[in-house]
């Protein structure tokens, strides 16, 4: 990875040229599109002469679309038919702006649209007006981003490191657009684990979708994994991304790797429909073999609340959000339900990173909320496993996170079961932190966790539960209203409840409600009863409870000894100061 670090640091240093003429928060508007352009230039370097020669032969042949012919000559799904490249651009500094525009216009349509996504033409004008264009272009011409020097995976790291740095200096949400590679590797391992027999067959073609694709890291790692497992297999990748820069980077990466770049769409995955201002879900009626994502943690969805609520009310389970709607302060479950709606009826697998909130937030009520979403997922036997990850794994937050694995075609031994894996201790401390990221999971730990999942045996790190173990009845316990020591009755002669004494109890689904009352409630309040009309069913996954380890309290003697030792240490320090 030395080349990656050297190249990333070099590219980062180019931003110093912009100081004074650009706000720090706008550095990325120049550096990111130039990095993409330089990458495309290096990729096409060896075949550029062949493309120009072919273009001269066919340009006057009245062929409607030259792109397929020239793409074939280039050896990629894109080409550049301009006479310029980075070397020739810096050779003519007096006409640099017009030549650079000519160079960009020489790209085939899809590649050109990627550059346009950065609104790069505006930056060319600003750089040219401030006499910066030549200096910036010259510095980029000095960095070698040829695939022989920097692989696609390494290029992904580089883009993500640049985005993280730009996000930090602009006080943006650093790391919002990507997920640490070791977390993705673990997710992909778990996602493909039970399908290895299928994936090793000759000529197999599978599809994978990420509704929060970012720069395409998850899709790239999944594709790389399958290529290693079976070079004859093909993984068709699909993704949607809202952020313009991340979308453009993701699309350019797919273009270079020979994937169908048109499978990457821009828009808000949660919006049901396209509007004049913004595209919505672009994969409305499509189904995929695998689904994977890391949605933004705690994302507020108030901006699309009206449309999401309408889909929930009008379409119910015929739409994406039939099971319920989470709090507007955290849309994690919306992304999950969006992916669940894109599972193939014959069987799909899904991996998603979530914070702790979806495990327990929301209480059973008449209004469908997080609890009803969990209930729908678990009662439909979709939840396969939940893995608790170490904290401080992500660049933008130190909070605890969880991988949820879901399947609508579970292995026989997993049916009616949910596996919980406690991986909070599976990490190594980083020698240098990156934002909030201070820990990482090693390759050997990824392998160990994959085995824990695959073995499906209870251990120190793994517990297996029945689906019903997470369910409970939320019952309303009433006590009689009394006046002057006498019970007040209604017209039917039944005791009236005293609302000030009303309480609720959560009783496990596997337990008989009356037996629970006899044991836990009536010995303390013998006049209590349950109002059955108010009983609701809820589900939650109390991860901490299932893996709680009792630690005995320290003895008084041990505590006293520590205090005396501290006092002695303090006395010695005081004596040293005085003397």
Protein backbone atom coordinates (compact mmCIF):
# COMPACT_ATOMS: atom_id res chain seq x y z
CA UNK A 1 0.00 0.00 0.00
CA UNK A 2 3.08 2.27 -0.09
CA UNK A 3 2.20 3.58 -3.56
CA UNK A 4 -1.29 4.45 -2.37
CA UNK A 5 -0.07 6.45 0.62
CA UNK A 6 2.58 8.24 -1.43
CA UNK A 7 0.12 9.09 -4.20
CA UNK A 8 -2.63 10.17 -1.75
CA UNK A 9 -0.21 12.42 0.14
CA UNK A 10 1.06 13.90 -3.12
CA UNK A 11 -2.47 14.60 -4.38
CA UNK A 12 -3.40 16.05 -0.99
CA UNK A 13 -0.40 18.40 -1.16
CA UNK A 14 -1.71 19.86 -4.44
CA UNK A 15 -4.51 21.47 -2.43
CA UNK A 16 -1.91 23.85 -0.97
CA UNK A 17 -1.84 25.59 -4.37
CA UNK A 18 -5.49 26.55 -3.86
CA UNK A 19 -4.91 28.27 -0.52
CA UNK A 20 -6.10 31.87 -0.60
CA UNK A 21 -8.04 31.57 -3.85
CA UNK A 22 -10.34 28.79 -2.61
CA UNK A 23 -12.08 28.16 0.66
CA UNK A 24 -10.85 24.96 2.31
CA UNK A 25 -14.35 23.52 2.05
CA UNK A 26 -14.13 23.86 -1.76
CA UNK A 27 -10.77 22.13 -2.29
CA UNK A 28 -12.52 18.88 -3.14
CA UNK A 29 -14.33 20.52 -6.06
CA UNK A 30 -10.94 20.77 -7.81
CA UNK A 31 -8.88 17.89 -6.46
CA UNK A 32 -11.45 15.08 -6.82
CA UNK A 33 -12.37 15.65 -10.51
CA UNK A 34 -8.70 16.16 -11.40
CA UNK A 35 -7.89 12.84 -9.67
CA UNK A 36 -10.61 11.10 -11.69
CA UNK A 37 -9.37 12.72 -14.91
CA UNK A 38 -5.77 11.73 -14.23
CA UNK A 39 -6.85 8.16 -13.48
CA UNK A 40 -8.79 7.95 -16.75
CA UNK A 41 -5.82 9.46 -18.61
CA UNK A 42 -3.41 6.86 -17.18
CA UNK A 43 -5.81 3.98 -17.88
CA UNK A 44 -6.13 4.94 -21.56
CA UNK A 45 -2.44 5.78 -22.06
CA UNK A 46 -1.33 2.56 -23.79
CA UNK A 47 -4.19 2.44 -26.32
CA UNK A 48 -4.65 6.18 -26.99
CA UNK A 49 -2.67 6.11 -30.27
CA UNK A 50 -4.76 3.17 -31.56
CA UNK A 51 -7.99 5.01 -30.72
CA UNK A 52 -6.87 8.17 -32.58
CA UNK A 53 -5.84 6.11 -35.59
CA UNK A 54 -9.18 4.29 -35.65
CA UNK A 55 -11.06 7.56 -35.18
CA UNK A 56 -9.38 9.03 -38.28
CA UNK A 57 -10.47 5.97 -40.26
CA UNK A 58 -14.14 6.00 -39.23
CA UNK A 59 -15.04 9.62 -38.42
CA UNK A 60 -16.27 10.35 -41.97
CA UNK A 61 -18.12 7.05 -42.45
CA UNK A 62 -21.47 8.45 -41.31
CA UNK A 63 -21.68 5.94 -38.45
CA UNK A 64 -24.38 6.97 -35.96
CA UNK A 65 -22.56 5.91 -32.78
CA UNK A 66 -18.78 5.62 -32.81
CA UNK A 67 -18.46 4.86 -29.08
CA UNK A 68 -18.64 1.02 -29.28
CA UNK A 69 -16.01 0.93 -32.07
CA UNK A 70 -13.57 3.22 -30.24
CA UNK A 71 -14.24 1.60 -26.86
CA UNK A 72 -13.17 -1.72 -28.35
CA UNK A 73 -9.96 -0.12 -29.60
CA UNK A 74 -9.34 1.39 -26.15
CA UNK A 75 -9.93 -1.93 -24.42
CA UNK A 76 -12.40 -0.40 -21.97
CA UNK A 77 -16.04 0.67 -21.86
CA UNK A 78 -14.89 4.24 -22.60
CA UNK A 79 -12.30 6.10 -24.66
CA UNK A 80 -10.93 9.57 -25.44
CA UNK A 81 -10.79 10.71 -29.05
CA UNK A 82 -9.18 14.11 -28.34
CA UNK A 83 -5.60 14.66 -29.52
CA UNK A 84 -4.73 15.78 -26.00
CA UNK A 85 -3.60 13.96 -22.90
CA UNK A 86 -2.03 15.39 -19.73
CA UNK A 87 1.44 15.49 -21.29
CA UNK A 88 0.25 17.41 -24.36
CA UNK A 89 -1.93 19.75 -22.28
CA UNK A 90 0.99 21.11 -20.25
CA UNK A 91 3.04 21.49 -23.43
CA UNK A 92 0.74 24.37 -24.48
CA UNK A 93 0.21 26.50 -21.34
CA UNK A 94 -1.14 29.51 -23.27
CA UNK A 95 -4.25 27.64 -24.46
CA UNK A 96 -4.69 25.38 -21.49
CA UNK A 97 -8.33 26.11 -20.58
CA UNK A 98 -9.69 25.62 -24.11
CA UNK A 99 -7.48 22.56 -24.69
CA UNK A 100 -8.60 21.00 -21.39
CA UNK A 101 -12.24 21.49 -22.38
CA UNK A 102 -11.47 19.92 -25.74
CA UNK A 103 -9.84 16.99 -23.95
CA UNK A 104 -12.87 16.47 -21.69
CA UNK A 105 -15.26 16.68 -24.65
CA UNK A 106 -13.19 13.96 -26.33
CA UNK A 107 -14.33 11.35 -23.84
CA UNK A 108 -17.10 8.93 -24.75
CA UNK A 109 -20.51 9.91 -23.42
CA UNK A 110 -20.56 8.02 -20.09
CA UNK A 111 -17.08 9.16 -19.07
CA UNK A 112 -17.89 12.75 -20.06
CA UNK A 113 -21.06 12.69 -17.96
CA UNK A 114 -19.01 11.59 -14.95
CA UNK A 115 -16.75 14.65 -15.22
CA UNK A 116 -19.77 16.89 -15.74
CA UNK A 117 -21.23 15.56 -12.47
CA UNK A 118 -18.46 17.49 -10.66
CA UNK A 119 -19.59 20.73 -12.35
CA UNK A 120 -15.96 20.90 -13.40
CA UNK A 121 -16.29 23.51 -16.14
CA UNK A 122 -16.89 26.16 -13.48
CA UNK A 123 -13.66 25.19 -11.72
CA UNK A 124 -11.67 25.38 -14.97
CA UNK A 125 -12.78 29.01 -15.35
CA UNK A 126 -11.93 29.90 -11.73
CA UNK A 127 -8.52 28.21 -11.90
CA UNK A 128 -7.72 29.88 -15.22
CA UNK A 129 -8.77 33.32 -13.96
CA UNK A 130 -6.50 32.92 -10.92
CA UNK A 131 -3.50 31.62 -12.92
CA UNK A 132 -3.70 28.28 -11.12
CA UNK A 133 -4.77 25.95 -13.92
CA UNK A 134 -1.27 25.19 -15.27
CA UNK A 135 0.25 24.65 -11.80
CA UNK A 136 -2.51 22.28 -10.70
CA UNK A 137 -2.53 20.31 -13.95
CA UNK A 138 1.30 20.06 -13.95
CA UNK A 139 1.26 18.56 -10.44
CA UNK A 140 -1.36 15.99 -11.44
CA UNK A 141 0.65 15.12 -14.55
CA UNK A 142 3.50 14.14 -12.20
CA UNK A 143 1.49 11.46 -10.35
CA UNK A 144 1.27 8.01 -11.96
CA UNK A 145 -2.16 6.45 -11.47
CA UNK A 146 -1.78 3.72 -14.07
CA UNK A 147 -3.53 0.44 -13.09
CA UNK A 148 -0.15 -1.33 -13.13
CA UNK A 149 0.96 1.02 -10.32
CA UNK A 150 -2.36 1.56 -8.49
CA UNK A 151 -5.03 -1.16 -8.52
CA UNK A 152 -8.76 -0.45 -8.47
CA UNK A 153 -8.93 -1.43 -4.80
CA UNK A 154 -6.03 0.89 -3.95
CA UNK A 155 -7.61 3.66 -6.00
CA UNK A 156 -10.76 3.25 -3.93
CA UNK A 157 -8.73 3.69 -0.74
CA UNK A 158 -7.15 6.82 -2.20
CA UNK A 159 -10.45 8.43 -3.15
CA UNK A 160 -11.93 7.66 0.23
CA UNK A 161 -8.93 9.07 2.09
CA UNK A 162 -9.18 12.29 0.04
CA UNK A 163 -12.92 12.56 0.71
CA UNK A 164 -12.32 11.99 4.42
CA UNK A 165 -9.69 14.73 4.58
CA UNK A 166 -11.77 17.23 2.63
CA UNK A 167 -14.78 16.45 4.80
CA UNK A 168 -12.74 17.04 7.96
CA UNK A 169 -11.36 20.45 6.96
CA UNK A 170 -14.81 21.62 5.87
CA UNK A 171 -16.45 20.38 9.11
CA UNK A 172 -18.57 18.05 7.02
CA UNK A 173 -19.45 14.54 8.17
CA UNK A 174 -16.07 12.90 7.67
CA UNK A 175 -16.38 9.36 6.38
CA UNK A 176 -20.09 9.59 5.63
CA UNK A 177 -19.47 8.22 2.16
CA UNK A 178 -17.57 5.03 2.92
CA UNK A 179 -17.02 2.05 5.19
CA UNK A 180 -13.68 0.66 6.47
CA UNK A 181 -12.50 -2.11 4.16
CA UNK A 182 -12.18 -4.70 6.94
CA UNK A 183 -15.83 -4.21 7.87
CA UNK A 184 -16.82 -4.67 4.22
CA UNK A 185 -14.67 -7.82 3.96
CA UNK A 186 -16.40 -9.30 6.99
CA UNK A 187 -19.84 -8.42 5.59
CA UNK A 188 -19.02 -9.92 2.19
CA UNK A 189 -17.60 -13.08 3.81
CA UNK A 190 -20.80 -13.54 5.80
CA UNK A 191 -23.01 -12.65 2.85
CA UNK A 192 -21.46 -15.28 0.53
CA UNK A 193 -20.69 -17.88 3.23
CA UNK A 194 -23.63 -20.22 2.70
CA UNK A 195 -23.56 -19.85 -1.09
CA UNK A 196 -20.01 -20.96 -1.82
CA UNK A 197 -21.21 -24.13 -3.56
CA UNK A 198 -23.35 -22.07 -5.91
CA UNK A 199 -20.72 -19.38 -6.49
CA UNK A 200 -17.99 -21.83 -7.49
CA UNK A 201 -19.98 -23.21 -10.42
CA UNK A 202 -18.66 -22.38 -13.89
CA UNK A 203 -20.29 -19.42 -15.62
CA UNK A 204 -22.52 -18.41 -12.68
CA UNK A 205 -23.92 -14.86 -12.87
CA UNK A 206 -25.16 -13.11 -9.73
CA UNK A 207 -26.33 -9.59 -8.92
CA UNK A 208 -25.59 -7.33 -5.94
CA UNK A 209 -27.10 -3.96 -5.01
CA UNK A 210 -26.09 -1.15 -2.63
CA UNK A 211 -28.66 1.61 -2.09
CA UNK A 212 -26.08 3.88 -0.38
CA UNK A 213 -23.19 3.06 -2.69
CA UNK A 214 -20.82 5.90 -1.76
CA UNK A 215 -17.64 5.53 -3.80
CA UNK A 216 -18.48 1.89 -4.50
CA UNK A 217 -16.29 0.24 -1.84
CA UNK A 218 -18.79 -2.47 -0.90
CA UNK A 219 -19.49 -3.37 -4.50
CA UNK A 220 -15.75 -3.48 -5.33
CA UNK A 221 -14.86 -5.76 -2.40
CA UNK A 222 -17.78 -8.08 -3.22
CA UNK A 223 -16.66 -8.29 -6.86
CA UNK A 224 -13.04 -8.93 -5.84
CA UNK A 225 -14.11 -11.67 -3.41
CA UNK A 226 -16.11 -13.51 -6.06
CA UNK A 227 -13.28 -13.21 -8.60
CA UNK A 228 -10.91 -14.84 -6.11
CA UNK A 229 -13.45 -17.55 -5.29
CA UNK A 230 -14.35 -18.29 -8.90
CA UNK A 231 -12.70 -16.47 -11.85
CA UNK A 232 -15.42 -17.91 -14.12
CA UNK A 233 -18.22 -16.31 -12.09
CA UNK A 234 -19.60 -12.86 -12.83
CA UNK A 235 -21.06 -10.43 -10.33
CA UNK A 236 -23.19 -7.69 -11.85
CA UNK A 237 -23.08 -4.69 -9.53
CA UNK A 238 -25.83 -2.10 -9.08
CA UNK A 239 -25.86 0.94 -6.85
CA UNK A 240 -27.52 4.22 -6.02
CA UNK A 241 -25.86 7.24 -4.41
CA UNK A 242 -27.09 10.70 -3.46
CA UNK A 243 -23.80 12.63 -3.12
CA UNK A 244 -22.60 13.94 -6.51
CA UNK A 245 -18.85 13.48 -5.93
CA UNK A 246 -19.20 9.96 -4.50
CA UNK A 247 -21.58 9.01 -7.31
CA UNK A 248 -19.13 10.22 -9.97
CA UNK A 249 -16.19 8.38 -8.37
CA UNK A 250 -18.20 5.18 -8.04
CA UNK A 251 -19.33 5.38 -11.65
CA UNK A 252 -15.80 6.04 -12.96
CA UNK A 253 -14.47 3.06 -10.99
CA UNK A 254 -17.12 0.78 -12.52
CA UNK A 255 -16.33 2.13 -15.98
CA UNK A 256 -12.62 1.38 -15.63
CA UNK A 257 -13.26 -2.13 -14.28
CA UNK A 258 -15.49 -3.03 -17.22
CA UNK A 259 -18.71 -3.06 -15.22
CA UNK A 260 -21.81 -1.48 -16.70
CA UNK A 261 -21.53 2.09 -15.38
CA UNK A 262 -25.19 2.75 -16.19
CA UNK A 263 -26.03 0.34 -13.32
CA UNK A 264 -24.95 3.11 -10.94
CA UNK A 265 -27.74 5.64 -10.50
CA UNK A 266 -27.93 8.98 -8.71
CA UNK A 267 -30.81 9.88 -6.40
CA UNK A 268 -32.37 9.55 -2.96
CA UNK A 269 -33.09 5.85 -2.33
CA UNK A 270 -35.83 6.64 0.19
CA UNK A 271 -37.90 8.80 -2.15
CA UNK A 272 -40.61 6.73 -3.85
CA UNK A 273 -40.73 8.79 -7.03
CA UNK A 274 -38.68 11.18 -9.13
CA UNK A 275 -39.42 14.87 -8.73
CA UNK A 276 -38.33 17.98 -10.61
CA UNK A 277 -35.57 18.60 -8.05
CA UNK A 278 -34.38 15.10 -7.21
CA UNK A 279 -34.53 11.50 -8.43
CA UNK A 280 -36.02 8.86 -6.14
CA UNK A 281 -35.57 5.08 -5.97
CA UNK A 282 -34.19 4.12 -9.39
CA UNK A 283 -34.50 0.36 -8.85
CA UNK A 284 -38.17 0.28 -7.94
CA UNK A 285 -39.15 -3.04 -9.48
CA UNK A 286 -35.77 -4.78 -9.61
CA UNK A 287 -34.72 -7.79 -7.52
CA UNK A 288 -31.17 -8.86 -6.62
CA UNK A 289 -29.36 -11.96 -5.35
CA UNK A 290 -27.36 -10.01 -2.77
CA UNK A 291 -27.98 -6.68 -1.06
CA UNK A 292 -25.45 -4.79 1.01
CA UNK A 293 -25.20 -1.29 2.47
CA UNK A 294 -23.98 0.99 5.22
CA UNK A 295 -26.60 3.76 5.46
CA UNK A 296 -25.63 7.03 7.17
CA UNK A 297 -25.91 6.60 10.95
CA UNK A 298 -28.85 8.38 12.55
CA UNK A 299 -29.88 10.09 9.31
CA UNK A 300 -32.96 12.30 9.66
CA UNK A 301 -35.56 11.68 6.98
CA UNK A 302 -37.85 14.65 7.54
CA UNK A 303 -37.17 15.98 4.01
CA UNK A 304 -38.85 12.94 2.43
CA UNK A 305 -41.33 12.29 5.27
CA UNK A 306 -44.43 13.30 3.29
CA UNK A 307 -43.67 10.96 0.37
CA UNK A 308 -42.56 8.07 2.60
CA UNK A 309 -45.69 8.42 4.75
CA UNK A 310 -47.87 8.42 1.62
CA UNK A 311 -46.22 5.22 0.34
CA UNK A 312 -46.73 3.60 3.75
CA UNK A 313 -50.40 4.66 3.92
CA UNK A 314 -51.37 4.05 0.29
CA UNK A 315 -49.45 0.89 -0.59
CA UNK A 316 -48.95 -0.84 2.77
CA UNK A 317 -47.06 -4.10 2.25
CA UNK A 318 -47.45 -3.60 -1.50
CA UNK A 319 -44.84 -0.84 -1.11
CA UNK A 320 -41.54 -0.78 0.71
CA UNK A 321 -42.56 0.55 4.11
CA UNK A 322 -45.59 -1.56 5.03
CA UNK A 323 -44.16 -2.94 8.31
CA UNK A 324 -43.94 0.53 9.88
CA UNK A 325 -42.09 3.83 10.01
CA UNK A 326 -39.22 4.61 12.39
CA UNK A 327 -38.66 7.87 14.24
CA UNK A 328 -37.80 10.76 11.92
CA UNK A 329 -34.50 11.15 13.78
CA UNK A 330 -33.13 7.83 12.45
CA UNK A 331 -34.01 6.45 9.02
CA UNK A 332 -31.88 3.28 9.29
CA UNK A 333 -34.89 0.97 9.12
CA UNK A 334 -36.15 2.72 5.97
CA UNK A 335 -32.97 1.75 4.13
CA UNK A 336 -33.31 -1.81 5.43
CA UNK A 337 -36.95 -2.10 4.29
CA UNK A 338 -36.00 -0.63 0.91
CA UNK A 339 -33.48 -3.46 0.45
CA UNK A 340 -35.89 -6.11 1.75
CA UNK A 341 -38.35 -5.08 -0.98
CA UNK A 342 -35.70 -5.92 -3.58
CA UNK A 343 -35.13 -9.53 -2.49
CA UNK A 344 -35.85 -12.25 -5.04
CA UNK A 345 -38.78 -14.51 -4.06
CA UNK A 346 -36.64 -17.58 -4.71
CA UNK A 347 -34.03 -16.37 -2.22
CA UNK A 348 -31.71 -13.44 -1.53
CA UNK A 349 -29.24 -12.49 1.20
CA UNK A 350 -28.75 -9.08 2.77
CA UNK A 351 -26.06 -7.47 4.96
CA UNK A 352 -26.44 -4.01 6.50
CA UNK A 353 -24.51 -1.98 9.09
CA UNK A 354 -26.73 -0.31 11.71
CA UNK A 355 -26.18 1.53 14.97
CA UNK A 356 -27.66 0.20 18.21
CA UNK A 357 -30.99 2.02 17.98
CA UNK A 358 -32.80 -0.42 15.60
CA UNK A 359 -32.25 -3.25 18.11
CA UNK A 360 -34.54 -1.80 20.76
CA UNK A 361 -36.01 1.63 19.93
CA UNK A 362 -39.78 2.03 19.74
CA UNK A 363 -42.41 0.54 22.00
CA UNK A 364 -45.41 -1.57 20.92
CA UNK A 365 -48.34 0.70 20.11
CA UNK A 366 -51.26 1.03 17.75
CA UNK A 367 -49.00 3.08 15.49
CA UNK A 368 -46.57 0.96 13.47
CA UNK A 369 -43.04 1.89 14.52
CA UNK A 370 -39.59 0.32 15.06
CA UNK A 371 -41.04 -2.42 17.26
CA UNK A 372 -43.53 -3.48 14.59
CA UNK A 373 -40.75 -3.43 11.96
CA UNK A 374 -38.66 -5.78 14.12
CA UNK A 375 -41.74 -7.93 14.71
CA UNK A 376 -42.43 -8.22 10.98
CA UNK A 377 -38.79 -9.08 10.21
CA UNK A 378 -38.48 -11.72 12.94
CA UNK A 379 -41.93 -13.29 12.58
CA UNK A 380 -41.32 -13.65 8.84
CA UNK A 381 -38.08 -15.46 9.75
CA UNK A 382 -35.90 -13.01 7.82
CA UNK A 383 -33.31 -12.23 10.49
CA UNK A 384 -30.44 -14.68 10.37
CA UNK A 385 -27.76 -13.09 12.55
CA UNK A 386 -26.66 -9.91 14.30
CA UNK A 387 -22.95 -9.27 14.90
CA UNK A 388 -21.89 -6.66 17.48
CA UNK A 389 -18.76 -4.88 16.22
CA UNK A 390 -16.08 -3.09 18.25
CA UNK A 391 -16.56 0.64 18.77
CA UNK A 392 -14.20 3.21 17.15
CA UNK A 393 -14.18 1.29 13.85
CA UNK A 394 -15.63 4.04 11.68
CA UNK A 395 -14.07 7.32 10.54
CA UNK A 396 -17.01 9.54 11.46
CA UNK A 397 -18.17 8.06 14.76
CA UNK A 398 -16.93 6.08 17.73
CA UNK A 399 -20.35 4.51 18.48
CA UNK A 400 -21.10 0.80 18.65
CA UNK A 401 -22.31 -0.71 15.38
CA UNK A 402 -23.90 -3.98 14.31
CA UNK A 403 -24.04 -6.05 11.13
CA UNK A 404 -27.51 -7.47 10.47
CA UNK A 405 -27.67 -10.51 8.18
CA UNK A 406 -31.04 -11.31 6.63
CA UNK A 407 -32.27 -14.01 4.28
CA UNK A 408 -35.65 -14.99 2.84
CA UNK A 409 -34.40 -18.52 2.19
CA UNK A 410 -32.60 -19.69 5.33
CA UNK A 411 -30.62 -22.90 5.61
CA UNK A 412 -32.80 -25.62 7.29
CA UNK A 413 -30.87 -25.55 10.59
CA UNK A 414 -31.26 -21.76 10.83
CA UNK A 415 -35.02 -21.64 10.30
CA UNK A 416 -36.86 -20.14 13.24
CA UNK A 417 -33.53 -19.14 14.80
CA UNK A 418 -31.45 -15.98 15.19
CA UNK A 419 -27.71 -16.10 15.81
CA UNK A 420 -26.07 -13.37 17.91
CA UNK A 421 -22.29 -12.94 17.69
CA UNK A 422 -20.41 -10.75 20.14
CA UNK A 423 -17.38 -9.45 18.23
CA UNK A 424 -16.73 -6.34 20.37
CA UNK A 425 -13.34 -7.74 21.45
CA UNK A 426 -12.22 -8.67 17.91
CA UNK A 427 -9.97 -5.72 17.08
CA UNK A 428 -6.42 -4.43 17.03
CA UNK A 429 -5.51 -0.89 18.01
CA UNK A 430 -4.25 1.25 15.13
CA UNK A 431 -0.83 2.85 15.45
CA UNK A 432 -2.34 6.08 14.11
CA UNK A 433 -6.01 7.00 14.30
CA UNK A 434 -8.00 8.23 11.28
CA UNK A 435 -10.68 10.61 12.50
CA UNK A 436 -12.65 8.61 15.07
CA UNK A 437 -11.25 5.33 13.76
CA UNK A 438 -8.82 3.95 16.33
CA UNK A 439 -9.43 0.22 15.90
CA UNK A 440 -9.38 -2.25 13.02
CA UNK A 441 -10.30 -5.91 12.56
CA UNK A 442 -7.41 -8.05 11.29
CA UNK A 443 -7.68 -10.60 8.48
CA UNK A 444 -7.27 -13.46 10.96
CA UNK A 445 -10.07 -12.04 13.13
CA UNK A 446 -12.32 -11.72 10.06
CA UNK A 447 -11.62 -15.40 9.31
CA UNK A 448 -12.34 -16.37 12.93
CA UNK A 449 -15.66 -14.49 12.99
CA UNK A 450 -16.63 -16.04 9.64
CA UNK A 451 -16.03 -19.49 11.18
CA UNK A 452 -18.03 -18.60 14.31
CA UNK A 453 -20.94 -17.63 12.06
CA UNK A 454 -20.58 -20.68 9.82
CA UNK A 455 -20.27 -23.20 12.66
CA UNK A 456 -23.59 -22.05 14.16
CA UNK A 457 -22.54 -23.47 17.55
CA UNK A 458 -23.02 -21.72 20.87
CA UNK A 459 -19.78 -20.49 22.42
CA UNK A 460 -18.28 -17.63 24.36
CA UNK A 461 -18.91 -15.36 21.36
CA UNK A 462 -22.05 -16.92 19.89
CA UNK A 463 -25.57 -17.57 21.12
CA UNK A 464 -28.51 -18.99 19.17
CA UNK A 465 -32.11 -18.08 20.03
CA UNK A 466 -35.59 -18.99 18.85
CA UNK A 467 -37.35 -16.14 17.06
CA UNK A 468 -39.91 -15.97 19.87
CA UNK A 469 -37.19 -15.31 22.45
CA UNK A 470 -37.10 -11.67 21.31
CA UNK A 471 -40.87 -11.15 21.56
CA UNK A 472 -42.93 -10.00 24.50
CA UNK A 473 -46.45 -8.98 25.45
CA UNK A 474 -46.67 -5.44 26.73
CA UNK A 475 -49.58 -5.73 29.18
CA UNK A 476 -51.38 -2.96 31.03
CA UNK A 477 -51.78 -3.69 34.74
CA UNK A 478 -54.72 -1.88 36.37
CA UNK A 479 -55.58 -1.36 40.03
CA UNK A 480 -58.97 -0.30 41.41
CA UNK A 481 -59.96 3.31 42.03
CA UNK A 482 -60.76 3.83 45.72
CA UNK A 483 -62.64 6.61 47.47
CA UNK A 484 -62.83 6.74 51.24
CA UNK A 485 -61.25 3.30 51.30
CA UNK A 486 -63.96 1.78 49.10
CA UNK A 487 -63.55 0.44 45.54
CA UNK A 488 -65.42 2.48 42.93
CA UNK A 489 -67.39 0.31 40.50
CA UNK A 490 -68.71 0.97 36.98
CA UNK A 491 -72.32 0.37 35.89
CA UNK A 492 -71.56 -3.32 35.33
CA UNK A 493 -70.34 -3.76 38.88
CA UNK A 494 -66.68 -4.07 37.86
CA UNK A 495 -63.93 -2.07 39.59
CA UNK A 496 -63.02 1.19 37.88
CA UNK A 497 -59.27 1.46 37.15
CA UNK A 498 -57.21 4.16 38.84
CA UNK A 499 -55.18 5.74 36.03
CA UNK A 500 -52.63 7.10 38.53
CA UNK A 501 -51.79 3.52 39.58
CA UNK A 502 -51.70 2.13 36.02
CA UNK A 503 -48.51 0.28 35.09
CA UNK A 504 -47.17 -1.88 32.28
CA UNK A 505 -45.24 -5.16 32.26
CA UNK A 506 -43.26 -6.75 29.44
CA UNK A 507 -43.90 -10.50 29.58
CA UNK A 508 -41.87 -12.85 27.31
CA UNK A 509 -43.93 -14.48 24.55
CA UNK A 510 -42.88 -17.92 25.73
CA UNK A 511 -44.30 -17.28 29.18
CA UNK A 512 -47.95 -17.67 30.23
CA UNK A 513 -49.30 -14.23 31.13
CA UNK A 514 -51.40 -15.44 34.08
CA UNK A 515 -48.54 -17.49 35.50
CA UNK A 516 -46.32 -14.43 35.28
CA UNK A 517 -48.93 -12.31 37.08
CA UNK A 518 -49.25 -14.87 39.88
CA UNK A 519 -45.51 -14.99 40.39
CA UNK A 520 -44.34 -11.40 39.77
CA UNK A 521 -47.26 -9.03 40.32
CA UNK A 522 -50.06 -10.35 42.52
CA UNK A 523 -47.88 -11.09 45.58
CA UNK A 524 -47.18 -7.34 45.74
CA UNK A 525 -50.53 -5.92 44.54
CA UNK A 526 -53.20 -8.65 44.96
CA UNK A 527 -56.04 -6.42 43.64
CA UNK A 528 -54.35 -5.88 40.25
CA UNK A 529 -55.65 -7.18 36.93
CA UNK A 530 -54.75 -7.01 33.24
CA UNK A 531 -56.74 -4.96 30.75
CA UNK A 532 -56.44 -7.40 27.84
CA UNK A 533 -57.83 -4.89 25.34
CA UNK A 534 -54.59 -2.90 25.71
CA UNK A 535 -52.15 -5.82 25.30
CA UNK A 536 -49.63 -5.26 22.50
CA UNK A 537 -46.90 -7.50 21.08
CA UNK A 538 -43.37 -6.15 20.73
CA UNK A 539 -39.90 -7.35 19.79
CA UNK A 540 -36.47 -6.15 20.84
CA UNK A 541 -32.95 -7.56 20.84
CA UNK A 542 -31.24 -6.77 24.13
CA UNK A 543 -27.70 -7.61 23.06
CA UNK A 544 -26.05 -6.48 26.30
CA UNK A 545 -28.31 -8.70 28.40
CA UNK A 546 -27.54 -11.83 26.39
CA UNK A 547 -23.76 -11.37 26.69
CA UNK A 548 -23.64 -9.82 30.14
CA UNK A 549 -20.76 -11.07 32.29
CA UNK A 550 -21.00 -10.55 36.02
CA UNK A 551 -17.89 -8.99 37.50
CA UNK A 552 -17.67 -9.32 41.30
CA UNK A 553 -17.24 -6.10 43.25
CA UNK A 554 -13.80 -5.34 44.60
CA UNK A 555 -13.31 -6.04 48.28
CA UNK A 556 -13.17 -3.19 50.80
CA UNK A 557 -9.64 -4.24 51.73
CA UNK A 558 -8.51 -3.96 48.09
CA UNK A 559 -10.07 -0.50 47.71
CA UNK A 560 -8.54 0.65 51.06
CA UNK A 561 -5.11 -0.57 49.94
CA UNK A 562 -5.36 1.42 46.67
CA UNK A 563 -6.42 4.59 48.51
CA UNK A 564 -3.49 4.31 50.98
CA UNK A 565 -1.09 3.77 48.07
CA UNK A 566 -2.40 6.92 46.34
CA UNK A 567 -2.06 8.90 49.57
CA UNK A 568 1.58 7.80 49.93
CA UNK A 569 2.26 8.73 46.31
CA UNK A 570 0.65 12.17 46.83
CA UNK A 571 2.66 12.78 50.03
CA UNK A 572 5.91 12.00 48.22
CA UNK A 573 5.01 14.40 45.37
CA UNK A 574 4.23 17.19 47.88
CA UNK A 575 7.54 16.61 49.70
CA UNK A 576 9.44 16.83 46.39
CA UNK A 577 7.76 20.12 45.52
CA UNK A 578 8.43 21.63 49.01
CA UNK A 579 12.04 20.50 49.12
